[in-house]
N, C-alpha and C. Protein backbone atom coordinates (compact mmCIF):
# COMPACT_ATOMS: atom_id res chain seq x y z
N MET A 1 0.82 -1.19 0.00
CA MET A 1 0.00 0.00 0.00
C MET A 1 0.87 1.26 0.00
N LYS A 2 1.90 1.28 0.87
CA LYS A 2 2.80 2.44 0.91
C LYS A 2 3.48 2.66 -0.43
N THR A 3 3.89 1.57 -1.08
CA THR A 3 4.56 1.68 -2.38
C THR A 3 3.63 2.29 -3.41
N THR A 4 2.38 1.86 -3.44
CA THR A 4 1.41 2.39 -4.38
C THR A 4 1.18 3.87 -4.16
N ILE A 5 1.03 4.27 -2.92
CA ILE A 5 0.81 5.68 -2.59
C ILE A 5 2.04 6.51 -2.98
N ALA A 6 3.23 6.00 -2.67
CA ALA A 6 4.46 6.73 -3.03
C ALA A 6 4.58 6.86 -4.55
N PHE A 7 4.28 5.79 -5.28
CA PHE A 7 4.36 5.84 -6.74
C PHE A 7 3.37 6.87 -7.29
N LEU A 8 2.13 6.85 -6.77
CA LEU A 8 1.13 7.81 -7.23
C LEU A 8 1.55 9.24 -6.92
N ALA A 9 2.11 9.45 -5.75
CA ALA A 9 2.54 10.79 -5.37
C ALA A 9 3.66 11.26 -6.28
N LEU A 10 4.62 10.39 -6.56
CA LEU A 10 5.72 10.75 -7.46
C LEU A 10 5.22 11.02 -8.86
N THR A 11 4.25 10.24 -9.32
CA THR A 11 3.71 10.41 -10.66
C THR A 11 3.00 11.75 -10.79
N VAL A 12 2.27 12.14 -9.77
CA VAL A 12 1.53 13.40 -9.81
C VAL A 12 2.47 14.59 -9.95
N VAL A 13 3.62 14.54 -9.28
CA VAL A 13 4.55 15.67 -9.35
C VAL A 13 5.56 15.51 -10.48
N GLY A 14 5.43 14.45 -11.27
CA GLY A 14 6.30 14.30 -12.44
C GLY A 14 7.66 13.72 -12.14
N CYS A 15 7.80 13.03 -11.02
CA CYS A 15 9.10 12.47 -10.65
C CYS A 15 9.10 10.95 -10.70
N SER A 16 8.23 10.38 -11.46
CA SER A 16 8.16 8.93 -11.55
C SER A 16 9.47 8.38 -12.10
N ALA A 17 9.88 7.24 -11.57
CA ALA A 17 11.07 6.57 -12.10
C ALA A 17 10.78 6.02 -13.49
N LEU A 18 9.53 5.76 -13.78
CA LEU A 18 9.14 5.31 -15.11
C LEU A 18 8.76 6.51 -15.94
N SER A 19 8.83 6.35 -17.24
CA SER A 19 8.56 7.48 -18.13
C SER A 19 7.07 7.81 -18.18
N ASN A 20 6.78 9.03 -18.53
CA ASN A 20 5.41 9.51 -18.71
C ASN A 20 4.88 8.88 -20.00
N PRO A 21 3.83 8.05 -19.93
CA PRO A 21 3.36 7.34 -21.12
C PRO A 21 2.86 8.26 -22.23
N VAL A 22 2.28 9.39 -21.89
CA VAL A 22 1.79 10.32 -22.91
C VAL A 22 2.96 10.93 -23.68
N ILE A 23 3.95 11.42 -22.95
CA ILE A 23 5.13 12.02 -23.58
C ILE A 23 5.89 10.95 -24.38
N LYS A 24 6.00 9.74 -23.81
CA LYS A 24 6.70 8.67 -24.52
C LYS A 24 6.01 8.35 -25.84
N THR A 25 4.70 8.26 -25.84
CA THR A 25 3.95 7.97 -27.07
C THR A 25 4.11 9.10 -28.08
N MET A 26 4.02 10.34 -27.60
CA MET A 26 4.20 11.49 -28.50
C MET A 26 5.60 11.50 -29.09
N ALA A 27 6.60 11.17 -28.27
CA ALA A 27 7.99 11.15 -28.76
C ALA A 27 8.16 10.10 -29.85
N GLN A 28 7.55 8.95 -29.66
CA GLN A 28 7.63 7.90 -30.68
C GLN A 28 6.94 8.35 -31.97
N GLY A 29 5.85 9.09 -31.84
CA GLY A 29 5.11 9.57 -33.00
C GLY A 29 5.83 10.68 -33.76
N MET A 30 6.76 11.35 -33.12
CA MET A 30 7.49 12.44 -33.77
C MET A 30 8.31 11.93 -34.95
N SER A 31 8.61 10.64 -34.96
CA SER A 31 9.41 10.09 -36.07
C SER A 31 8.70 10.26 -37.40
N LEU A 32 7.37 10.38 -37.37
CA LEU A 32 6.62 10.59 -38.61
C LEU A 32 6.92 11.95 -39.23
N LEU A 33 7.31 12.91 -38.40
CA LEU A 33 7.61 14.26 -38.88
C LEU A 33 9.10 14.46 -39.17
N LYS A 34 9.90 13.42 -38.98
CA LYS A 34 11.34 13.52 -39.16
C LYS A 34 11.75 14.13 -40.50
N PRO A 35 11.16 13.72 -41.63
CA PRO A 35 11.58 14.31 -42.91
C PRO A 35 11.35 15.83 -42.98
N VAL A 36 10.24 16.28 -42.42
CA VAL A 36 9.92 17.71 -42.43
C VAL A 36 10.91 18.46 -41.56
N PHE A 37 11.15 17.94 -40.35
CA PHE A 37 12.08 18.60 -39.43
C PHE A 37 13.50 18.60 -39.98
N SER A 38 13.87 17.55 -40.69
CA SER A 38 15.21 17.46 -41.27
C SER A 38 15.44 18.57 -42.29
N VAL A 39 14.49 18.76 -43.19
CA VAL A 39 14.60 19.83 -44.19
C VAL A 39 14.63 21.19 -43.50
N GLU A 40 13.74 21.38 -42.54
CA GLU A 40 13.67 22.66 -41.83
C GLU A 40 14.98 22.95 -41.11
N ALA A 41 15.55 21.94 -40.42
CA ALA A 41 16.78 22.13 -39.65
C ALA A 41 17.95 22.50 -40.56
N LYS A 42 18.05 21.81 -41.69
CA LYS A 42 19.15 22.09 -42.62
C LYS A 42 19.01 23.48 -43.24
N LEU A 43 17.79 23.88 -43.55
CA LEU A 43 17.53 25.21 -44.09
C LEU A 43 17.87 26.28 -43.05
N GLN A 44 17.41 26.07 -41.81
CA GLN A 44 17.69 27.02 -40.74
C GLN A 44 19.20 27.16 -40.52
N ALA A 45 19.92 26.03 -40.51
CA ALA A 45 21.37 26.07 -40.31
C ALA A 45 22.07 26.78 -41.48
N ALA A 46 21.58 26.54 -42.69
CA ALA A 46 22.19 27.18 -43.87
C ALA A 46 21.99 28.68 -43.85
N VAL A 47 20.80 29.11 -43.47
CA VAL A 47 20.49 30.55 -43.48
C VAL A 47 21.14 31.26 -42.28
N LEU A 48 20.89 30.75 -41.08
CA LEU A 48 21.40 31.43 -39.88
C LEU A 48 22.88 31.16 -39.64
N GLY A 49 23.30 29.94 -39.96
CA GLY A 49 24.67 29.55 -39.63
C GLY A 49 25.64 29.59 -40.78
N ALA A 50 25.36 30.43 -41.75
CA ALA A 50 26.22 30.51 -42.95
C ALA A 50 27.67 30.79 -42.59
N ASN A 51 27.92 31.53 -41.52
CA ASN A 51 29.28 31.89 -41.12
C ASN A 51 29.84 31.03 -39.99
N VAL A 52 29.13 29.94 -39.68
CA VAL A 52 29.57 29.05 -38.60
C VAL A 52 30.27 27.84 -39.21
N ASP A 53 31.44 27.51 -38.69
CA ASP A 53 32.22 26.38 -39.18
C ASP A 53 31.68 25.09 -38.55
N GLU A 54 31.04 24.25 -39.37
CA GLU A 54 30.44 23.01 -38.87
C GLU A 54 31.49 22.06 -38.30
N THR A 55 32.70 22.10 -38.83
CA THR A 55 33.77 21.24 -38.34
C THR A 55 34.11 21.57 -36.89
N ILE A 56 34.17 22.86 -36.58
CA ILE A 56 34.47 23.30 -35.21
C ILE A 56 33.33 22.88 -34.28
N VAL A 57 32.08 23.07 -34.73
CA VAL A 57 30.91 22.71 -33.92
C VAL A 57 30.92 21.21 -33.64
N SER A 58 31.18 20.40 -34.66
CA SER A 58 31.21 18.94 -34.49
C SER A 58 32.34 18.51 -33.55
N SER A 59 33.49 19.17 -33.66
CA SER A 59 34.62 18.87 -32.78
C SER A 59 34.28 19.19 -31.33
N GLU A 60 33.58 20.30 -31.14
CA GLU A 60 33.17 20.69 -29.78
C GLU A 60 32.22 19.66 -29.19
N ILE A 61 31.25 19.20 -29.99
CA ILE A 61 30.31 18.18 -29.52
C ILE A 61 31.07 16.91 -29.16
N GLU A 62 31.98 16.50 -30.03
CA GLU A 62 32.76 15.29 -29.78
C GLU A 62 33.58 15.40 -28.50
N ALA A 63 34.20 16.56 -28.29
CA ALA A 63 35.00 16.76 -27.08
C ALA A 63 34.12 16.71 -25.83
N LEU A 64 32.96 17.32 -25.89
CA LEU A 64 32.06 17.32 -24.74
C LEU A 64 31.51 15.92 -24.44
N THR A 65 31.26 15.14 -25.49
CA THR A 65 30.76 13.77 -25.25
C THR A 65 31.84 12.88 -24.65
N LYS A 66 33.10 13.18 -24.93
CA LYS A 66 34.20 12.42 -24.32
C LYS A 66 34.44 12.87 -22.88
N LYS A 67 34.29 14.16 -22.63
CA LYS A 67 34.55 14.73 -21.30
C LYS A 67 33.45 14.36 -20.30
N ASN A 68 32.22 14.25 -20.76
CA ASN A 68 31.08 14.00 -19.88
C ASN A 68 30.55 12.59 -20.11
N LYS A 69 30.48 11.80 -19.04
CA LYS A 69 30.01 10.42 -19.18
C LYS A 69 28.55 10.37 -19.62
N VAL A 70 27.76 11.35 -19.17
CA VAL A 70 26.38 11.47 -19.61
C VAL A 70 26.15 12.93 -19.97
N LEU A 71 25.67 13.14 -21.19
CA LEU A 71 25.47 14.49 -21.69
C LEU A 71 24.12 14.54 -22.40
N ILE A 72 23.35 15.58 -22.13
CA ILE A 72 22.07 15.74 -22.80
C ILE A 72 21.99 17.16 -23.37
N TYR A 73 21.63 17.23 -24.64
CA TYR A 73 21.36 18.51 -25.31
C TYR A 73 19.84 18.68 -25.32
N THR A 74 19.37 19.85 -24.91
CA THR A 74 17.93 20.08 -24.76
C THR A 74 17.48 21.41 -25.35
N TYR A 75 16.16 21.54 -25.42
CA TYR A 75 15.46 22.82 -25.60
C TYR A 75 14.76 23.09 -24.28
N GLY A 76 14.81 24.30 -23.81
CA GLY A 76 14.22 24.65 -22.53
C GLY A 76 12.71 24.47 -22.44
N LEU A 77 11.99 24.71 -23.53
CA LEU A 77 10.53 24.64 -23.51
C LEU A 77 9.97 23.32 -24.03
N SER A 78 10.81 22.40 -24.40
CA SER A 78 10.37 21.14 -24.98
C SER A 78 9.89 20.16 -23.91
N PRO A 79 8.66 19.64 -24.05
CA PRO A 79 8.19 18.63 -23.09
C PRO A 79 9.02 17.35 -23.20
N PHE A 80 9.56 17.07 -24.38
CA PHE A 80 10.39 15.88 -24.55
C PHE A 80 11.72 16.04 -23.82
N SER A 81 12.30 17.24 -23.90
CA SER A 81 13.53 17.51 -23.16
C SER A 81 13.27 17.46 -21.66
N SER A 82 12.16 18.04 -21.22
CA SER A 82 11.82 18.03 -19.79
C SER A 82 11.64 16.61 -19.29
N GLU A 83 10.98 15.76 -20.07
CA GLU A 83 10.78 14.37 -19.68
C GLU A 83 12.11 13.64 -19.60
N ALA A 84 12.99 13.86 -20.58
CA ALA A 84 14.30 13.20 -20.57
C ALA A 84 15.12 13.64 -19.35
N VAL A 85 15.08 14.92 -19.03
CA VAL A 85 15.80 15.43 -17.85
C VAL A 85 15.20 14.80 -16.59
N ALA A 86 13.88 14.69 -16.52
CA ALA A 86 13.24 14.06 -15.36
C ALA A 86 13.66 12.60 -15.22
N LEU A 87 13.78 11.90 -16.34
CA LEU A 87 14.23 10.50 -16.31
C LEU A 87 15.67 10.40 -15.81
N LEU A 88 16.52 11.31 -16.28
CA LEU A 88 17.90 11.30 -15.81
C LEU A 88 17.98 11.67 -14.33
N ASP A 89 17.17 12.64 -13.91
CA ASP A 89 17.12 13.00 -12.49
C ASP A 89 16.69 11.79 -11.65
N ALA A 90 15.66 11.10 -12.11
CA ALA A 90 15.13 9.95 -11.38
C ALA A 90 16.14 8.80 -11.33
N SER A 91 17.03 8.73 -12.30
CA SER A 91 18.03 7.66 -12.32
C SER A 91 19.02 7.80 -11.16
N GLY A 92 19.21 9.03 -10.69
CA GLY A 92 20.15 9.27 -9.60
C GLY A 92 21.60 9.40 -10.06
N PHE A 93 21.85 9.28 -11.36
CA PHE A 93 23.20 9.39 -11.87
C PHE A 93 23.52 10.83 -12.26
N GLU A 94 24.81 11.16 -12.23
CA GLU A 94 25.26 12.49 -12.63
C GLU A 94 25.18 12.63 -14.14
N TYR A 95 24.88 13.83 -14.60
CA TYR A 95 24.85 14.12 -16.03
C TYR A 95 25.07 15.61 -16.23
N THR A 96 25.41 15.96 -17.46
CA THR A 96 25.60 17.36 -17.83
C THR A 96 24.52 17.71 -18.85
N LYS A 97 23.89 18.86 -18.63
CA LYS A 97 22.83 19.32 -19.53
C LYS A 97 23.29 20.58 -20.25
N ILE A 98 23.11 20.57 -21.57
CA ILE A 98 23.40 21.74 -22.38
C ILE A 98 22.12 22.13 -23.11
N GLU A 99 21.64 23.33 -22.85
CA GLU A 99 20.44 23.82 -23.50
C GLU A 99 20.84 24.65 -24.72
N LEU A 100 20.41 24.18 -25.90
CA LEU A 100 20.73 24.91 -27.14
C LEU A 100 19.93 26.19 -27.27
N GLY A 101 18.75 26.22 -26.69
CA GLY A 101 17.87 27.38 -26.76
C GLY A 101 16.52 27.00 -26.19
N ALA A 102 15.61 27.95 -26.19
CA ALA A 102 14.29 27.69 -25.64
C ALA A 102 13.51 26.70 -26.51
N GLU A 103 13.63 26.84 -27.81
CA GLU A 103 12.93 25.96 -28.76
C GLU A 103 13.61 26.09 -30.12
N TRP A 104 13.35 25.15 -31.03
CA TRP A 104 14.07 25.09 -32.30
C TRP A 104 13.96 26.37 -33.11
N PHE A 105 12.80 27.03 -33.08
CA PHE A 105 12.62 28.22 -33.90
C PHE A 105 13.27 29.47 -33.29
N LEU A 106 13.84 29.33 -32.09
CA LEU A 106 14.51 30.45 -31.44
C LEU A 106 16.03 30.30 -31.43
N LEU A 107 16.54 29.31 -32.16
CA LEU A 107 17.98 29.06 -32.16
C LEU A 107 18.73 30.12 -32.95
N GLY A 108 19.92 30.42 -32.48
CA GLY A 108 20.80 31.33 -33.19
C GLY A 108 21.66 30.56 -34.18
N PRO A 109 22.63 31.24 -34.78
CA PRO A 109 23.46 30.62 -35.81
C PRO A 109 24.19 29.34 -35.37
N GLU A 110 24.97 29.44 -34.29
CA GLU A 110 25.76 28.27 -33.86
C GLU A 110 24.86 27.13 -33.40
N ALA A 111 23.81 27.42 -32.65
CA ALA A 111 22.91 26.38 -32.16
C ALA A 111 22.18 25.69 -33.32
N SER A 112 21.86 26.43 -34.36
CA SER A 112 21.21 25.85 -35.54
C SER A 112 22.13 24.84 -36.22
N VAL A 113 23.40 25.20 -36.34
CA VAL A 113 24.38 24.30 -36.94
C VAL A 113 24.61 23.10 -36.01
N LYS A 114 24.65 23.36 -34.72
CA LYS A 114 24.86 22.29 -33.73
C LYS A 114 23.71 21.27 -33.79
N ARG A 115 22.50 21.75 -33.97
CA ARG A 115 21.33 20.86 -34.08
C ARG A 115 21.50 19.88 -35.25
N VAL A 116 21.95 20.37 -36.40
CA VAL A 116 22.17 19.51 -37.57
C VAL A 116 23.33 18.56 -37.31
N ALA A 117 24.40 19.06 -36.70
CA ALA A 117 25.55 18.22 -36.38
C ALA A 117 25.15 17.08 -35.43
N LEU A 118 24.31 17.39 -34.46
CA LEU A 118 23.83 16.36 -33.52
C LEU A 118 23.01 15.29 -34.24
N SER A 119 22.26 15.70 -35.26
CA SER A 119 21.44 14.72 -35.99
C SER A 119 22.30 13.69 -36.71
N LYS A 120 23.52 14.06 -37.02
CA LYS A 120 24.43 13.13 -37.71
C LYS A 120 25.05 12.11 -36.75
N MET A 121 24.83 12.32 -35.46
CA MET A 121 25.43 11.44 -34.45
C MET A 121 24.45 10.40 -33.92
N VAL A 122 23.26 10.40 -34.47
CA VAL A 122 22.25 9.43 -34.04
C VAL A 122 21.86 8.59 -35.25
N GLU A 123 21.63 7.31 -35.01
CA GLU A 123 21.36 6.38 -36.11
C GLU A 123 20.25 6.82 -37.06
N ASN A 124 19.15 7.31 -36.49
CA ASN A 124 17.99 7.64 -37.34
C ASN A 124 18.05 9.04 -37.95
N GLY A 125 19.08 9.82 -37.63
CA GLY A 125 19.25 11.15 -38.22
C GLY A 125 18.25 12.19 -37.76
N ALA A 126 17.54 11.93 -36.68
CA ALA A 126 16.53 12.88 -36.18
C ALA A 126 17.18 14.19 -35.75
N THR A 127 16.56 15.30 -36.14
CA THR A 127 17.06 16.62 -35.77
C THR A 127 16.42 17.14 -34.49
N SER A 128 15.47 16.41 -33.95
CA SER A 128 14.79 16.84 -32.74
C SER A 128 15.69 16.68 -31.52
N LEU A 129 15.39 17.42 -30.49
CA LEU A 129 16.07 17.28 -29.20
C LEU A 129 15.05 16.78 -28.20
N PRO A 130 15.50 16.11 -27.19
CA PRO A 130 16.86 16.01 -26.69
C PRO A 130 17.68 14.98 -27.45
N LYS A 131 18.98 15.09 -27.25
CA LYS A 131 19.95 14.09 -27.69
C LYS A 131 20.71 13.70 -26.43
N VAL A 132 20.74 12.40 -26.14
CA VAL A 132 21.36 11.90 -24.92
C VAL A 132 22.58 11.05 -25.30
N PHE A 133 23.71 11.36 -24.69
CA PHE A 133 24.93 10.61 -24.89
C PHE A 133 25.30 9.93 -23.58
N ILE A 134 25.58 8.64 -23.65
CA ILE A 134 26.04 7.88 -22.49
C ILE A 134 27.32 7.16 -22.90
N GLY A 135 28.38 7.42 -22.15
CA GLY A 135 29.66 6.80 -22.47
C GLY A 135 30.16 7.18 -23.84
N GLY A 136 29.86 8.40 -24.29
CA GLY A 136 30.33 8.90 -25.57
C GLY A 136 29.49 8.50 -26.77
N LYS A 137 28.46 7.70 -26.54
CA LYS A 137 27.61 7.22 -27.65
C LYS A 137 26.22 7.83 -27.53
N CYS A 138 25.71 8.31 -28.66
CA CYS A 138 24.36 8.87 -28.66
C CYS A 138 23.36 7.72 -28.64
N ILE A 139 22.53 7.69 -27.58
CA ILE A 139 21.53 6.63 -27.48
C ILE A 139 20.21 7.06 -28.11
N GLY A 140 20.11 8.35 -28.48
CA GLY A 140 18.89 8.87 -29.10
C GLY A 140 18.30 9.99 -28.28
N GLY A 141 16.97 10.02 -28.26
CA GLY A 141 16.27 11.09 -27.57
C GLY A 141 15.38 10.59 -26.45
N CYS A 142 14.29 11.29 -26.25
CA CYS A 142 13.37 11.00 -25.16
C CYS A 142 12.80 9.58 -25.24
N SER A 143 12.35 9.19 -26.41
CA SER A 143 11.73 7.88 -26.58
C SER A 143 12.71 6.75 -26.24
N GLU A 144 13.91 6.86 -26.74
CA GLU A 144 14.92 5.83 -26.48
C GLU A 144 15.32 5.81 -25.01
N LEU A 145 15.47 6.98 -24.41
CA LEU A 145 15.82 7.06 -22.99
C LEU A 145 14.70 6.46 -22.14
N ALA A 146 13.44 6.77 -22.49
CA ALA A 146 12.30 6.23 -21.75
C ALA A 146 12.26 4.71 -21.84
N THR A 147 12.54 4.17 -23.01
CA THR A 147 12.56 2.72 -23.18
C THR A 147 13.64 2.09 -22.31
N LEU A 148 14.83 2.69 -22.30
CA LEU A 148 15.92 2.18 -21.46
C LEU A 148 15.56 2.25 -19.98
N ALA A 149 14.91 3.34 -19.56
CA ALA A 149 14.51 3.47 -18.16
C ALA A 149 13.43 2.46 -17.81
N ASP A 150 12.47 2.28 -18.70
CA ASP A 150 11.35 1.37 -18.43
C ASP A 150 11.79 -0.09 -18.35
N ASN A 151 12.75 -0.49 -19.20
CA ASN A 151 13.13 -1.90 -19.20
C ASN A 151 14.34 -2.20 -18.31
N GLY A 152 14.82 -1.19 -17.57
CA GLY A 152 15.90 -1.41 -16.62
C GLY A 152 17.30 -1.35 -17.21
N GLU A 153 17.41 -1.09 -18.50
CA GLU A 153 18.73 -1.06 -19.13
C GLU A 153 19.50 0.24 -18.87
N LEU A 154 18.81 1.29 -18.46
CA LEU A 154 19.49 2.57 -18.24
C LEU A 154 20.54 2.44 -17.14
N SER A 155 20.20 1.83 -16.03
CA SER A 155 21.17 1.66 -14.93
C SER A 155 22.35 0.82 -15.38
N LEU A 156 22.10 -0.20 -16.18
CA LEU A 156 23.18 -1.04 -16.70
C LEU A 156 24.13 -0.22 -17.58
N LEU A 157 23.55 0.56 -18.49
CA LEU A 157 24.37 1.43 -19.36
C LEU A 157 25.19 2.41 -18.54
N MET A 158 24.55 3.00 -17.53
CA MET A 158 25.25 3.98 -16.68
C MET A 158 26.41 3.30 -15.94
N SER A 159 26.16 2.11 -15.44
CA SER A 159 27.21 1.38 -14.72
C SER A 159 28.36 1.01 -15.66
N GLN A 160 28.03 0.55 -16.86
CA GLN A 160 29.06 0.20 -17.84
C GLN A 160 29.90 1.41 -18.22
N ALA A 161 29.28 2.59 -18.26
CA ALA A 161 30.01 3.82 -18.58
C ALA A 161 30.70 4.42 -17.36
N LYS A 162 30.58 3.74 -16.22
CA LYS A 162 31.19 4.18 -14.96
C LYS A 162 30.73 5.57 -14.54
N VAL A 163 29.41 5.79 -14.68
CA VAL A 163 28.81 7.07 -14.28
C VAL A 163 28.58 7.04 -12.78
N SER A 164 28.97 8.10 -12.10
CA SER A 164 28.79 8.19 -10.66
C SER A 164 27.35 8.54 -10.33
N LYS A 165 26.92 8.07 -9.18
CA LYS A 165 25.64 8.50 -8.64
C LYS A 165 25.83 9.92 -8.13
N LYS A 166 24.75 10.70 -8.12
CA LYS A 166 24.84 12.08 -7.65
C LYS A 166 25.35 12.11 -6.22
N GLY A 167 26.36 12.97 -5.99
CA GLY A 167 26.93 13.13 -4.67
C GLY A 167 27.96 12.09 -4.31
N GLN A 168 28.10 11.04 -5.09
CA GLN A 168 29.01 9.95 -4.79
C GLN A 168 30.47 10.34 -4.99
N GLY A 169 30.74 11.14 -6.00
CA GLY A 169 32.11 11.48 -6.34
C GLY A 169 32.70 12.59 -5.47
N LYS A 170 31.89 13.19 -4.63
CA LYS A 170 32.35 14.31 -3.82
C LYS A 170 32.74 13.84 -2.42
N LYS A 171 33.90 14.29 -1.99
CA LYS A 171 34.36 13.93 -0.65
C LYS A 171 33.97 15.03 0.32
N SER A 172 33.69 14.62 1.53
CA SER A 172 33.33 15.60 2.54
C SER A 172 34.59 16.35 2.98
N PHE A 173 34.39 17.41 3.68
CA PHE A 173 35.48 18.25 4.16
C PHE A 173 36.43 17.46 5.04
N PHE A 174 35.91 16.48 5.78
CA PHE A 174 36.70 15.75 6.77
C PHE A 174 37.37 14.50 6.21
N GLN A 175 37.16 14.17 4.91
CA GLN A 175 37.78 12.97 4.35
C GLN A 175 39.12 13.27 3.74
C-alpha cells in the first residue's frame, strides 16, 4: 500500500522513475515528422549559420561527449527535453545538460548548426532534441531514454560507462 501511494505521489509531481506514457507515445510519433524537421533544420542552419564552421561545432560536440560520461542537449521549452531530464534525475546518476535554446525556432546561428551536427550522431538522423549521450555514444532522444529506463537497461548502461551517482564522487570536508 505504501509503495502504491508513493508511486502515485511521485507520478503526480512528475518524478516517476518510469517514463510519462503520454510524452513517450508522443515522442515515438514524432518520427513521422522527421523528414519535415530534417529539411527545416538544414535550411535554418544554412540561413542562420552561414558563417559558422560546422567542423568546429562537431569537434566541440565530440570533445564534450568524451569529457562527460552522460550528456544531454535540450530545448528549454520542450516537453520531450523536460521528460528526458526528469528521467535522468530519477536515475540518480550524474549528467551534464546543455540547452541549445528555448525551442528550435529560437535558435541562433551556432545552435542551428549544432542541431544539424547532432542529428548526424544518431542512427535515425533525427534533428529533434533532446539528444542523450552515455559513455560517448548517442543513445537517441526521449523515446529511447524512456525505453531504457522502463526496461531497466538505463542503470546497466550507466554502470558500464562508470557514471557516478549524484553526490558519490564528492568527498566531505573531513575525508
